[in-house]
Amino acid sequence: SIMSLELLKHPTILKYSGTYMETISEG
C-alpha cells in the first residue's frame, strides 16, 4: 500500500493501468 500510494502521486500511470486492451503495432 505504501508503494502504491507513492505510485498514485504519478497519475500518468493510471492511463496505462486503467487500460483494458491495447495494440502495439509500429515496427
mmCIF file of all heavy atoms, coordinates in Angstrom:
data_MODEL
# 
_entry.id   MODEL 
# 
loop_
_atom_site.group_PDB 
_atom_site.id 
_atom_site.type_symbol 
_atom_site.label_atom_id 
_atom_site.label_alt_id 
_atom_site.label_comp_id 
_atom_site.label_asym_id 
_atom_site.label_entity_id 
_atom_site.label_seq_id 
_atom_site.pdbx_PDB_ins_code 
_atom_site.Cartn_x 
_atom_site.Cartn_y 
_atom_site.Cartn_z 
_atom_site.occupancy 
_atom_site.B_iso_or_equiv 
_atom_site.pdbx_formal_charge 
_atom_site.auth_seq_id 
_atom_site.auth_comp_id 
_atom_site.auth_asym_id 
_atom_site.auth_atom_id 
_atom_site.pdbx_PDB_model_num 
ATOM 1   N N   . SER A 1 1  ? 0.834   -1.207 0.000   1.00 0.00 ? 1  SER A N   1 
ATOM 2   C CA  . SER A 1 1  ? 0.000   0.000  0.000   1.00 0.00 ? 1  SER A CA  1 
ATOM 3   C C   . SER A 1 1  ? 0.866   1.253  0.000   1.00 0.00 ? 1  SER A C   1 
ATOM 4   O O   . SER A 1 1  ? 0.521   2.254  -0.638  1.00 0.00 ? 1  SER A O   1 
ATOM 5   C CB  . SER A 1 1  ? -0.947  0.006  1.203   1.00 0.00 ? 1  SER A CB  1 
ATOM 6   O OG  . SER A 1 1  ? -0.260  0.257  2.421   1.00 0.00 ? 1  SER A OG  1 
ATOM 7   N N   . ILE A 1 2  ? 2.006   1.196  0.676   1.00 0.00 ? 2  ILE A N   1 
ATOM 8   C CA  . ILE A 1 2  ? 2.909   2.347  0.732   1.00 0.00 ? 2  ILE A CA  1 
ATOM 9   C C   . ILE A 1 2  ? 3.444   2.686  -0.655  1.00 0.00 ? 2  ILE A C   1 
ATOM 10  O O   . ILE A 1 2  ? 3.410   3.846  -1.090  1.00 0.00 ? 2  ILE A O   1 
ATOM 11  C CB  . ILE A 1 2  ? 4.073   2.081  1.709   1.00 0.00 ? 2  ILE A CB  1 
ATOM 12  C CG1 . ILE A 1 2  ? 3.560   2.040  3.151   1.00 0.00 ? 2  ILE A CG1 1 
ATOM 13  C CG2 . ILE A 1 2  ? 5.157   3.152  1.569   1.00 0.00 ? 2  ILE A CG2 1 
ATOM 14  C CD1 . ILE A 1 2  ? 4.599   1.605  4.170   1.00 0.00 ? 2  ILE A CD1 1 
ATOM 15  N N   . MET A 1 3  ? 3.945   1.666  -1.370  1.00 0.00 ? 3  MET A N   1 
ATOM 16  C CA  . MET A 1 3  ? 4.493   1.968  -2.704  1.00 0.00 ? 3  MET A CA  1 
ATOM 17  C C   . MET A 1 3  ? 3.370   2.262  -3.701  1.00 0.00 ? 3  MET A C   1 
ATOM 18  O O   . MET A 1 3  ? 3.565   3.019  -4.662  1.00 0.00 ? 3  MET A O   1 
ATOM 19  C CB  . MET A 1 3  ? 5.393   0.834  -3.204  1.00 0.00 ? 3  MET A CB  1 
ATOM 20  C CG  . MET A 1 3  ? 4.745   -0.500 -3.454  1.00 0.00 ? 3  MET A CG  1 
ATOM 21  S SD  . MET A 1 3  ? 5.999   -1.676 -4.115  1.00 0.00 ? 3  MET A SD  1 
ATOM 22  C CE  . MET A 1 3  ? 5.000   -3.180 -4.242  1.00 0.00 ? 3  MET A CE  1 
ATOM 23  N N   . SER A 1 4  ? 2.187   1.705  -3.466  1.00 0.00 ? 4  SER A N   1 
ATOM 24  C CA  . SER A 1 4  ? 1.046   2.005  -4.331  1.00 0.00 ? 4  SER A CA  1 
ATOM 25  C C   . SER A 1 4  ? 0.616   3.456  -4.179  1.00 0.00 ? 4  SER A C   1 
ATOM 26  O O   . SER A 1 4  ? 0.327   4.142  -5.168  1.00 0.00 ? 4  SER A O   1 
ATOM 27  C CB  . SER A 1 4  ? -0.129  1.077  -4.005  1.00 0.00 ? 4  SER A CB  1 
ATOM 28  O OG  . SER A 1 4  ? 0.195   -0.268 -4.245  1.00 0.00 ? 4  SER A OG  1 
ATOM 29  N N   . LEU A 1 5  ? 0.557   3.920  -2.945  1.00 0.00 ? 5  LEU A N   1 
ATOM 30  C CA  . LEU A 1 5  ? 0.204   5.319  -2.689  1.00 0.00 ? 5  LEU A CA  1 
ATOM 31  C C   . LEU A 1 5  ? 1.220   6.257  -3.328  1.00 0.00 ? 5  LEU A C   1 
ATOM 32  O O   . LEU A 1 5  ? 0.864   7.314  -3.853  1.00 0.00 ? 5  LEU A O   1 
ATOM 33  C CB  . LEU A 1 5  ? 0.123   5.573  -1.181  1.00 0.00 ? 5  LEU A CB  1 
ATOM 34  C CG  . LEU A 1 5  ? -1.053  4.932  -0.443  1.00 0.00 ? 5  LEU A CG  1 
ATOM 35  C CD1 . LEU A 1 5  ? -0.899  5.096  1.064   1.00 0.00 ? 5  LEU A CD1 1 
ATOM 36  C CD2 . LEU A 1 5  ? -2.380  5.524  -0.907  1.00 0.00 ? 5  LEU A CD2 1 
ATOM 37  N N   . GLU A 1 6  ? 2.484   5.862  -3.286  1.00 0.00 ? 6  GLU A N   1 
ATOM 38  C CA  . GLU A 1 6  ? 3.541   6.678  -3.895  1.00 0.00 ? 6  GLU A CA  1 
ATOM 39  C C   . GLU A 1 6  ? 3.378   6.702  -5.413  1.00 0.00 ? 6  GLU A C   1 
ATOM 40  O O   . GLU A 1 6  ? 3.571   7.739  -6.053  1.00 0.00 ? 6  GLU A O   1 
ATOM 41  C CB  . GLU A 1 6  ? 4.910   6.126  -3.511  1.00 0.00 ? 6  GLU A CB  1 
ATOM 42  C CG  . GLU A 1 6  ? 6.064   7.070  -3.779  1.00 0.00 ? 6  GLU A CG  1 
ATOM 43  C CD  . GLU A 1 6  ? 6.060   8.323  -2.910  1.00 0.00 ? 6  GLU A CD  1 
ATOM 44  O OE1 . GLU A 1 6  ? 5.405   8.308  -1.837  1.00 0.00 ? 6  GLU A OE1 1 
ATOM 45  O OE2 . GLU A 1 6  ? 6.712   9.324  -3.299  1.00 0.00 ? 6  GLU A OE2 1 
ATOM 46  N N   . LEU A 1 7  ? 3.018   5.561  -5.994  1.00 0.00 ? 7  LEU A N   1 
ATOM 47  C CA  . LEU A 1 7  ? 2.812   5.498  -7.438  1.00 0.00 ? 7  LEU A CA  1 
ATOM 48  C C   . LEU A 1 7  ? 1.629   6.363  -7.861  1.00 0.00 ? 7  LEU A C   1 
ATOM 49  O O   . LEU A 1 7  ? 1.649   6.965  -8.942  1.00 0.00 ? 7  LEU A O   1 
ATOM 50  C CB  . LEU A 1 7  ? 2.592   4.045  -7.875  1.00 0.00 ? 7  LEU A CB  1 
ATOM 51  C CG  . LEU A 1 7  ? 2.397   3.802  -9.376  1.00 0.00 ? 7  LEU A CG  1 
ATOM 52  C CD1 . LEU A 1 7  ? 3.587   4.321  -10.180 1.00 0.00 ? 7  LEU A CD1 1 
ATOM 53  C CD2 . LEU A 1 7  ? 2.186   2.313  -9.648  1.00 0.00 ? 7  LEU A CD2 1 
ATOM 54  N N   . LEU A 1 8  ? 0.605   6.446  -7.015  1.00 0.00 ? 8  LEU A N   1 
ATOM 55  C CA  . LEU A 1 8  ? -0.569  7.260  -7.335  1.00 0.00 ? 8  LEU A CA  1 
ATOM 56  C C   . LEU A 1 8  ? -0.241  8.752  -7.393  1.00 0.00 ? 8  LEU A C   1 
ATOM 57  O O   . LEU A 1 8  ? -1.042  9.540  -7.924  1.00 0.00 ? 8  LEU A O   1 
ATOM 58  C CB  . LEU A 1 8  ? -1.685  7.013  -6.313  1.00 0.00 ? 8  LEU A CB  1 
ATOM 59  C CG  . LEU A 1 8  ? -2.409  5.672  -6.420  1.00 0.00 ? 8  LEU A CG  1 
ATOM 60  C CD1 . LEU A 1 8  ? -3.391  5.488  -5.271  1.00 0.00 ? 8  LEU A CD1 1 
ATOM 61  C CD2 . LEU A 1 8  ? -3.124  5.547  -7.763  1.00 0.00 ? 8  LEU A CD2 1 
ATOM 62  N N   . LYS A 1 9  ? 0.918   9.136  -6.884  1.00 0.00 ? 9  LYS A N   1 
ATOM 63  C CA  . LYS A 1 9  ? 1.360   10.535 -6.998  1.00 0.00 ? 9  LYS A CA  1 
ATOM 64  C C   . LYS A 1 9  ? 1.798   10.846 -8.427  1.00 0.00 ? 9  LYS A C   1 
ATOM 65  O O   . LYS A 1 9  ? 2.065   12.012 -8.753  1.00 0.00 ? 9  LYS A O   1 
ATOM 66  C CB  . LYS A 1 9  ? 2.502   10.804 -6.024  1.00 0.00 ? 9  LYS A CB  1 
ATOM 67  C CG  . LYS A 1 9  ? 2.110   10.715 -4.551  1.00 0.00 ? 9  LYS A CG  1 
ATOM 68  C CD  . LYS A 1 9  ? 3.306   10.962 -3.643  1.00 0.00 ? 9  LYS A CD  1 
ATOM 69  C CE  . LYS A 1 9  ? 2.915   10.841 -2.174  1.00 0.00 ? 9  LYS A CE  1 
ATOM 70  N NZ  . LYS A 1 9  ? 4.086   11.060 -1.267  1.00 0.00 ? 9  LYS A NZ  1 
ATOM 71  N N   . HIS A 1 10 ? 1.863   9.815  -9.254  1.00 0.00 ? 10 HIS A N   1 
ATOM 72  C CA  . HIS A 1 10 ? 2.229   9.970  -10.667 1.00 0.00 ? 10 HIS A CA  1 
ATOM 73  C C   . HIS A 1 10 ? 1.032   9.506  -11.499 1.00 0.00 ? 10 HIS A C   1 
ATOM 74  O O   . HIS A 1 10 ? 1.012   8.379  -12.010 1.00 0.00 ? 10 HIS A O   1 
ATOM 75  C CB  . HIS A 1 10 ? 3.474   9.148  -10.985 1.00 0.00 ? 10 HIS A CB  1 
ATOM 76  C CG  . HIS A 1 10 ? 4.652   9.470  -10.117 1.00 0.00 ? 10 HIS A CG  1 
ATOM 77  N ND1 . HIS A 1 10 ? 5.574   10.448 -10.430 1.00 0.00 ? 10 HIS A ND1 1 
ATOM 78  C CD2 . HIS A 1 10 ? 5.040   8.936  -8.932  1.00 0.00 ? 10 HIS A CD2 1 
ATOM 79  C CE1 . HIS A 1 10 ? 6.484   10.505 -9.484  1.00 0.00 ? 10 HIS A CE1 1 
ATOM 80  N NE2 . HIS A 1 10 ? 6.181   9.603  -8.558  1.00 0.00 ? 10 HIS A NE2 1 
ATOM 81  N N   . PRO A 1 11 ? 0.002   10.343 -11.628 1.00 0.00 ? 11 PRO A N   1 
ATOM 82  C CA  . PRO A 1 11 ? -1.281  9.932  -12.216 1.00 0.00 ? 11 PRO A CA  1 
ATOM 83  C C   . PRO A 1 11 ? -1.205  9.432  -13.657 1.00 0.00 ? 11 PRO A C   1 
ATOM 84  O O   . PRO A 1 11 ? -2.127  8.750  -14.117 1.00 0.00 ? 11 PRO A O   1 
ATOM 85  C CB  . PRO A 1 11 ? -2.145  11.196 -12.107 1.00 0.00 ? 11 PRO A CB  1 
ATOM 86  C CG  . PRO A 1 11 ? -1.171  12.323 -11.946 1.00 0.00 ? 11 PRO A CG  1 
ATOM 87  C CD  . PRO A 1 11 ? -0.018  11.760 -11.203 1.00 0.00 ? 11 PRO A CD  1 
ATOM 88  N N   . THR A 1 12 ? -0.120  9.745  -14.357 1.00 0.00 ? 12 THR A N   1 
ATOM 89  C CA  . THR A 1 12 ? 0.008   9.255  -15.736 1.00 0.00 ? 12 THR A CA  1 
ATOM 90  C C   . THR A 1 12 ? -0.050  7.736  -15.794 1.00 0.00 ? 12 THR A C   1 
ATOM 91  O O   . THR A 1 12 ? -0.532  7.158  -16.776 1.00 0.00 ? 12 THR A O   1 
ATOM 92  C CB  . THR A 1 12 ? 1.338   9.738  -16.355 1.00 0.00 ? 12 THR A CB  1 
ATOM 93  O OG1 . THR A 1 12 ? 1.368   11.160 -16.368 1.00 0.00 ? 12 THR A OG1 1 
ATOM 94  C CG2 . THR A 1 12 ? 1.487   9.241  -17.794 1.00 0.00 ? 12 THR A CG2 1 
ATOM 95  N N   . ILE A 1 13 ? 0.421   7.083  -14.740 1.00 0.00 ? 13 ILE A N   1 
ATOM 96  C CA  . ILE A 1 13 ? 0.448   5.621  -14.744 1.00 0.00 ? 13 ILE A CA  1 
ATOM 97  C C   . ILE A 1 13 ? -0.956  5.039  -14.861 1.00 0.00 ? 13 ILE A C   1 
ATOM 98  O O   . ILE A 1 13 ? -1.146  3.950  -15.414 1.00 0.00 ? 13 ILE A O   1 
ATOM 99  C CB  . ILE A 1 13 ? 1.155   5.064  -13.479 1.00 0.00 ? 13 ILE A CB  1 
ATOM 100 C CG1 . ILE A 1 13 ? 1.536   3.592  -13.683 1.00 0.00 ? 13 ILE A CG1 1 
ATOM 101 C CG2 . ILE A 1 13 ? 0.275   5.232  -12.253 1.00 0.00 ? 13 ILE A CG2 1 
ATOM 102 C CD1 . ILE A 1 13 ? 2.522   3.332  -14.788 1.00 0.00 ? 13 ILE A CD1 1 
ATOM 103 N N   . LEU A 1 14 ? -1.962  5.779  -14.367 1.00 0.00 ? 14 LEU A N   1 
ATOM 104 C CA  . LEU A 1 14 ? -3.342  5.293  -14.425 1.00 0.00 ? 14 LEU A CA  1 
ATOM 105 C C   . LEU A 1 14 ? -3.870  5.239  -15.858 1.00 0.00 ? 14 LEU A C   1 
ATOM 106 O O   . LEU A 1 14 ? -4.795  4.488  -16.157 1.00 0.00 ? 14 LEU A O   1 
ATOM 107 C CB  . LEU A 1 14 ? -4.248  6.177  -13.565 1.00 0.00 ? 14 LEU A CB  1 
ATOM 108 C CG  . LEU A 1 14 ? -3.903  6.202  -12.070 1.00 0.00 ? 14 LEU A CG  1 
ATOM 109 C CD1 . LEU A 1 14 ? -4.796  7.204  -11.339 1.00 0.00 ? 14 LEU A CD1 1 
ATOM 110 C CD2 . LEU A 1 14 ? -4.042  4.827  -11.459 1.00 0.00 ? 14 LEU A CD2 1 
ATOM 111 N N   . LYS A 1 15 ? -3.255  6.013  -16.731 1.00 0.00 ? 15 LYS A N   1 
ATOM 112 C CA  . LYS A 1 15 ? -3.602  5.973  -18.151 1.00 0.00 ? 15 LYS A CA  1 
ATOM 113 C C   . LYS A 1 15 ? -3.316  4.585  -18.722 1.00 0.00 ? 15 LYS A C   1 
ATOM 114 O O   . LYS A 1 15 ? -4.023  4.104  -19.603 1.00 0.00 ? 15 LYS A O   1 
ATOM 115 C CB  . LYS A 1 15 ? -2.782  7.031  -18.894 1.00 0.00 ? 15 LYS A CB  1 
ATOM 116 C CG  . LYS A 1 15 ? -2.897  7.003  -20.400 1.00 0.00 ? 15 LYS A CG  1 
ATOM 117 C CD  . LYS A 1 15 ? -1.982  8.050  -21.013 1.00 0.00 ? 15 LYS A CD  1 
ATOM 118 C CE  . LYS A 1 15 ? -1.955  7.962  -22.533 1.00 0.00 ? 15 LYS A CE  1 
ATOM 119 N NZ  . LYS A 1 15 ? -1.007  8.945  -23.127 1.00 0.00 ? 15 LYS A NZ  1 
ATOM 120 N N   . TYR A 1 16 ? -2.274  3.944  -18.177 1.00 0.00 ? 16 TYR A N   1 
ATOM 121 C CA  . TYR A 1 16 ? -1.885  2.615  -18.653 1.00 0.00 ? 16 TYR A CA  1 
ATOM 122 C C   . TYR A 1 16 ? -2.529  1.503  -17.827 1.00 0.00 ? 16 TYR A C   1 
ATOM 123 O O   . TYR A 1 16 ? -3.111  0.568  -18.381 1.00 0.00 ? 16 TYR A O   1 
ATOM 124 C CB  . TYR A 1 16 ? -0.357  2.479  -18.622 1.00 0.00 ? 16 TYR A CB  1 
ATOM 125 C CG  . TYR A 1 16 ? 0.359   3.637  -19.266 1.00 0.00 ? 16 TYR A CG  1 
ATOM 126 C CD1 . TYR A 1 16 ? 1.299   4.390  -18.571 1.00 0.00 ? 16 TYR A CD1 1 
ATOM 127 C CD2 . TYR A 1 16 ? 0.075   4.012  -20.581 1.00 0.00 ? 16 TYR A CD2 1 
ATOM 128 C CE1 . TYR A 1 16 ? 1.947   5.470  -19.151 1.00 0.00 ? 16 TYR A CE1 1 
ATOM 129 C CE2 . TYR A 1 16 ? 0.716   5.087  -21.179 1.00 0.00 ? 16 TYR A CE2 1 
ATOM 130 C CZ  . TYR A 1 16 ? 1.653   5.818  -20.448 1.00 0.00 ? 16 TYR A CZ  1 
ATOM 131 O OH  . TYR A 1 16 ? 2.280   6.884  -21.039 1.00 0.00 ? 16 TYR A OH  1 
ATOM 132 N N   . SER A 1 17 ? -2.442  1.610  -16.508 1.00 0.00 ? 17 SER A N   1 
ATOM 133 C CA  . SER A 1 17 ? -3.001  0.558  -15.657 1.00 0.00 ? 17 SER A CA  1 
ATOM 134 C C   . SER A 1 17 ? -4.518  0.497  -15.758 1.00 0.00 ? 17 SER A C   1 
ATOM 135 O O   . SER A 1 17 ? -5.129  -0.528 -15.436 1.00 0.00 ? 17 SER A O   1 
ATOM 136 C CB  . SER A 1 17 ? -2.582  0.767  -14.191 1.00 0.00 ? 17 SER A CB  1 
ATOM 137 O OG  . SER A 1 17 ? -3.125  1.966  -13.670 1.00 0.00 ? 17 SER A OG  1 
ATOM 138 N N   . GLY A 1 18 ? -5.139  1.585  -16.211 1.00 0.00 ? 18 GLY A N   1 
ATOM 139 C CA  . GLY A 1 18 ? -6.588  1.623  -16.365 1.00 0.00 ? 18 GLY A CA  1 
ATOM 140 C C   . GLY A 1 18 ? -7.064  1.243  -17.751 1.00 0.00 ? 18 GLY A C   1 
ATOM 141 O O   . GLY A 1 18 ? -8.260  1.311  -18.044 1.00 0.00 ? 18 GLY A O   1 
ATOM 142 N N   . THR A 1 19 ? -6.138  0.832  -18.621 1.00 0.00 ? 19 THR A N   1 
ATOM 143 C CA  . THR A 1 19 ? -6.475  0.408  -19.980 1.00 0.00 ? 19 THR A CA  1 
ATOM 144 C C   . THR A 1 19 ? -6.703  -1.099 -20.004 1.00 0.00 ? 19 THR A C   1 
ATOM 145 O O   . THR A 1 19 ? -5.843  -1.857 -19.539 1.00 0.00 ? 19 THR A O   1 
ATOM 146 C CB  . THR A 1 19 ? -5.349  0.771  -20.966 1.00 0.00 ? 19 THR A CB  1 
ATOM 147 O OG1 . THR A 1 19 ? -5.199  2.190  -21.010 1.00 0.00 ? 19 THR A OG1 1 
ATOM 148 C CG2 . THR A 1 19 ? -5.668  0.249  -22.364 1.00 0.00 ? 19 THR A CG2 1 
ATOM 149 N N   . TYR A 1 20 ? -7.817  -1.528 -20.571 1.00 0.00 ? 20 TYR A N   1 
ATOM 150 C CA  . TYR A 1 20 ? -8.095  -2.967 -20.598 1.00 0.00 ? 20 TYR A CA  1 
ATOM 151 C C   . TYR A 1 20 ? -7.415  -3.656 -21.775 1.00 0.00 ? 20 TYR A C   1 
ATOM 152 O O   . TYR A 1 20 ? -6.845  -4.734 -21.623 1.00 0.00 ? 20 TYR A O   1 
ATOM 153 C CB  . TYR A 1 20 ? -9.601  -3.226 -20.651 1.00 0.00 ? 20 TYR A CB  1 
ATOM 154 C CG  . TYR A 1 20 ? -9.930  -4.704 -20.599 1.00 0.00 ? 20 TYR A CG  1 
ATOM 155 C CD1 . TYR A 1 20 ? -9.663  -5.449 -19.450 1.00 0.00 ? 20 TYR A CD1 1 
ATOM 156 C CD2 . TYR A 1 20 ? -10.481 -5.358 -21.697 1.00 0.00 ? 20 TYR A CD2 1 
ATOM 157 C CE1 . TYR A 1 20 ? -9.928  -6.806 -19.396 1.00 0.00 ? 20 TYR A CE1 1 
ATOM 158 C CE2 . TYR A 1 20 ? -10.758 -6.712 -21.646 1.00 0.00 ? 20 TYR A CE2 1 
ATOM 159 C CZ  . TYR A 1 20 ? -10.479 -7.437 -20.492 1.00 0.00 ? 20 TYR A CZ  1 
ATOM 160 O OH  . TYR A 1 20 ? -10.743 -8.783 -20.441 1.00 0.00 ? 20 TYR A OH  1 
ATOM 161 N N   . MET A 1 21 ? -7.475  -3.038 -22.955 1.00 0.00 ? 21 MET A N   1 
ATOM 162 C CA  . MET A 1 21 ? -6.833  -3.633 -24.130 1.00 0.00 ? 21 MET A CA  1 
ATOM 163 C C   . MET A 1 21 ? -6.076  -2.568 -24.910 1.00 0.00 ? 21 MET A C   1 
ATOM 164 O O   . MET A 1 21 ? -6.515  -1.425 -25.010 1.00 0.00 ? 21 MET A O   1 
ATOM 165 C CB  . MET A 1 21 ? -7.874  -4.299 -25.042 1.00 0.00 ? 21 MET A CB  1 
ATOM 166 C CG  . MET A 1 21 ? -8.595  -5.473 -24.415 1.00 0.00 ? 21 MET A CG  1 
ATOM 167 S SD  . MET A 1 21 ? -9.725  -6.295 -25.572 1.00 0.00 ? 21 MET A SD  1 
ATOM 168 C CE  . MET A 1 21 ? -8.550  -7.108 -26.660 1.00 0.00 ? 21 MET A CE  1 
ATOM 169 N N   . GLU A 1 22 ? -4.930  -2.966 -25.442 1.00 0.00 ? 22 GLU A N   1 
ATOM 170 C CA  . GLU A 1 22 ? -4.085  -2.050 -26.212 1.00 0.00 ? 22 GLU A CA  1 
ATOM 171 C C   . GLU A 1 22 ? -3.349  -2.850 -27.276 1.00 0.00 ? 22 GLU A C   1 
ATOM 172 O O   . GLU A 1 22 ? -2.940  -3.993 -27.048 1.00 0.00 ? 22 GLU A O   1 
ATOM 173 C CB  . GLU A 1 22 ? -3.088  -1.354 -25.283 1.00 0.00 ? 22 GLU A CB  1 
ATOM 174 C CG  . GLU A 1 22 ? -2.118  -0.421 -25.980 1.00 0.00 ? 22 GLU A CG  1 
ATOM 175 C CD  . GLU A 1 22 ? -2.701  0.966  -26.237 1.00 0.00 ? 22 GLU A CD  1 
ATOM 176 O OE1 . GLU A 1 22 ? -3.823  1.227  -25.747 1.00 0.00 ? 22 GLU A OE1 1 
ATOM 177 O OE2 . GLU A 1 22 ? -2.044  1.782  -26.905 1.00 0.00 ? 22 GLU A OE2 1 
ATOM 178 N N   . THR A 1 23 ? -3.166  -2.250 -28.443 1.00 0.00 ? 23 THR A N   1 
ATOM 179 C CA  . THR A 1 23 ? -2.421  -2.890 -29.518 1.00 0.00 ? 23 THR A CA  1 
ATOM 180 C C   . THR A 1 23 ? -1.194  -2.057 -29.858 1.00 0.00 ? 23 THR A C   1 
ATOM 181 O O   . THR A 1 23 ? -1.304  -0.843 -30.063 1.00 0.00 ? 23 THR A O   1 
ATOM 182 C CB  . THR A 1 23 ? -3.291  -3.048 -30.782 1.00 0.00 ? 23 THR A CB  1 
ATOM 183 O OG1 . THR A 1 23 ? -4.423  -3.856 -30.474 1.00 0.00 ? 23 THR A OG1 1 
ATOM 184 C CG2 . THR A 1 23 ? -2.494  -3.709 -31.899 1.00 0.00 ? 23 THR A CG2 1 
ATOM 185 N N   . ILE A 1 24 ? -0.035  -2.689 -29.893 1.00 0.00 ? 24 ILE A N   1 
ATOM 186 C CA  . ILE A 1 24 ? 1.208   -2.042 -30.297 1.00 0.00 ? 24 ILE A CA  1 
ATOM 187 C C   . ILE A 1 24 ? 1.637   -2.674 -31.611 1.00 0.00 ? 24 ILE A C   1 
ATOM 188 O O   . ILE A 1 24 ? 1.947   -3.864 -31.666 1.00 0.00 ? 24 ILE A O   1 
ATOM 189 C CB  . ILE A 1 24 ? 2.306   -2.217 -29.235 1.00 0.00 ? 24 ILE A CB  1 
ATOM 190 C CG1 . ILE A 1 24 ? 1.874   -1.546 -27.919 1.00 0.00 ? 24 ILE A CG1 1 
ATOM 191 C CG2 . ILE A 1 24 ? 3.631   -1.623 -29.716 1.00 0.00 ? 24 ILE A CG2 1 
ATOM 192 C CD1 . ILE A 1 24 ? 2.845   -1.757 -26.779 1.00 0.00 ? 24 ILE A CD1 1 
ATOM 193 N N   . SER A 1 25 ? 1.643   -1.883 -32.665 1.00 0.00 ? 25 SER A N   1 
ATOM 194 C CA  . SER A 1 25 ? 1.912   -2.443 -33.990 1.00 0.00 ? 25 SER A CA  1 
ATOM 195 C C   . SER A 1 25 ? 3.089   -1.797 -34.712 1.00 0.00 ? 25 SER A C   1 
ATOM 196 O O   . SER A 1 25 ? 3.635   -2.382 -35.649 1.00 0.00 ? 25 SER A O   1 
ATOM 197 C CB  . SER A 1 25 ? 0.658   -2.333 -34.866 1.00 0.00 ? 25 SER A CB  1 
ATOM 198 O OG  . SER A 1 25 ? 0.231   -0.984 -34.963 1.00 0.00 ? 25 SER A OG  1 
ATOM 199 N N   . GLU A 1 26 ? 3.471   -0.604 -34.320 1.00 0.00 ? 26 GLU A N   1 
ATOM 200 C CA  . GLU A 1 26 ? 4.526   0.126  -35.035 1.00 0.00 ? 26 GLU A CA  1 
ATOM 201 C C   . GLU A 1 26 ? 5.837   -0.672 -35.067 1.00 0.00 ? 26 GLU A C   1 
ATOM 202 O O   . GLU A 1 26 ? 6.346   -1.110 -34.041 1.00 0.00 ? 26 GLU A O   1 
ATOM 203 C CB  . GLU A 1 26 ? 4.767   1.481  -34.374 1.00 0.00 ? 26 GLU A CB  1 
ATOM 204 C CG  . GLU A 1 26 ? 5.765   2.351  -35.143 1.00 0.00 ? 26 GLU A CG  1 
ATOM 205 C CD  . GLU A 1 26 ? 5.945   3.716  -34.514 1.00 0.00 ? 26 GLU A CD  1 
ATOM 206 O OE1 . GLU A 1 26 ? 5.177   4.047  -33.581 1.00 0.00 ? 26 GLU A OE1 1 
ATOM 207 O OE2 . GLU A 1 26 ? 6.852   4.446  -34.943 1.00 0.00 ? 26 GLU A OE2 1 
ATOM 208 N N   . GLY A 1 27 ? 6.348   -0.862 -36.278 1.00 0.00 ? 27 GLY A N   1 
ATOM 209 C CA  . GLY A 1 27 ? 7.629   -1.530 -36.439 1.00 0.00 ? 27 GLY A CA  1 
ATOM 210 C C   . GLY A 1 27 ? 7.581   -3.039 -36.297 1.00 0.00 ? 27 GLY A C   1 
ATOM 211 O O   . GLY A 1 27 ? 8.624   -3.689 -36.216 1.00 0.00 ? 27 GLY A O   1 
# 
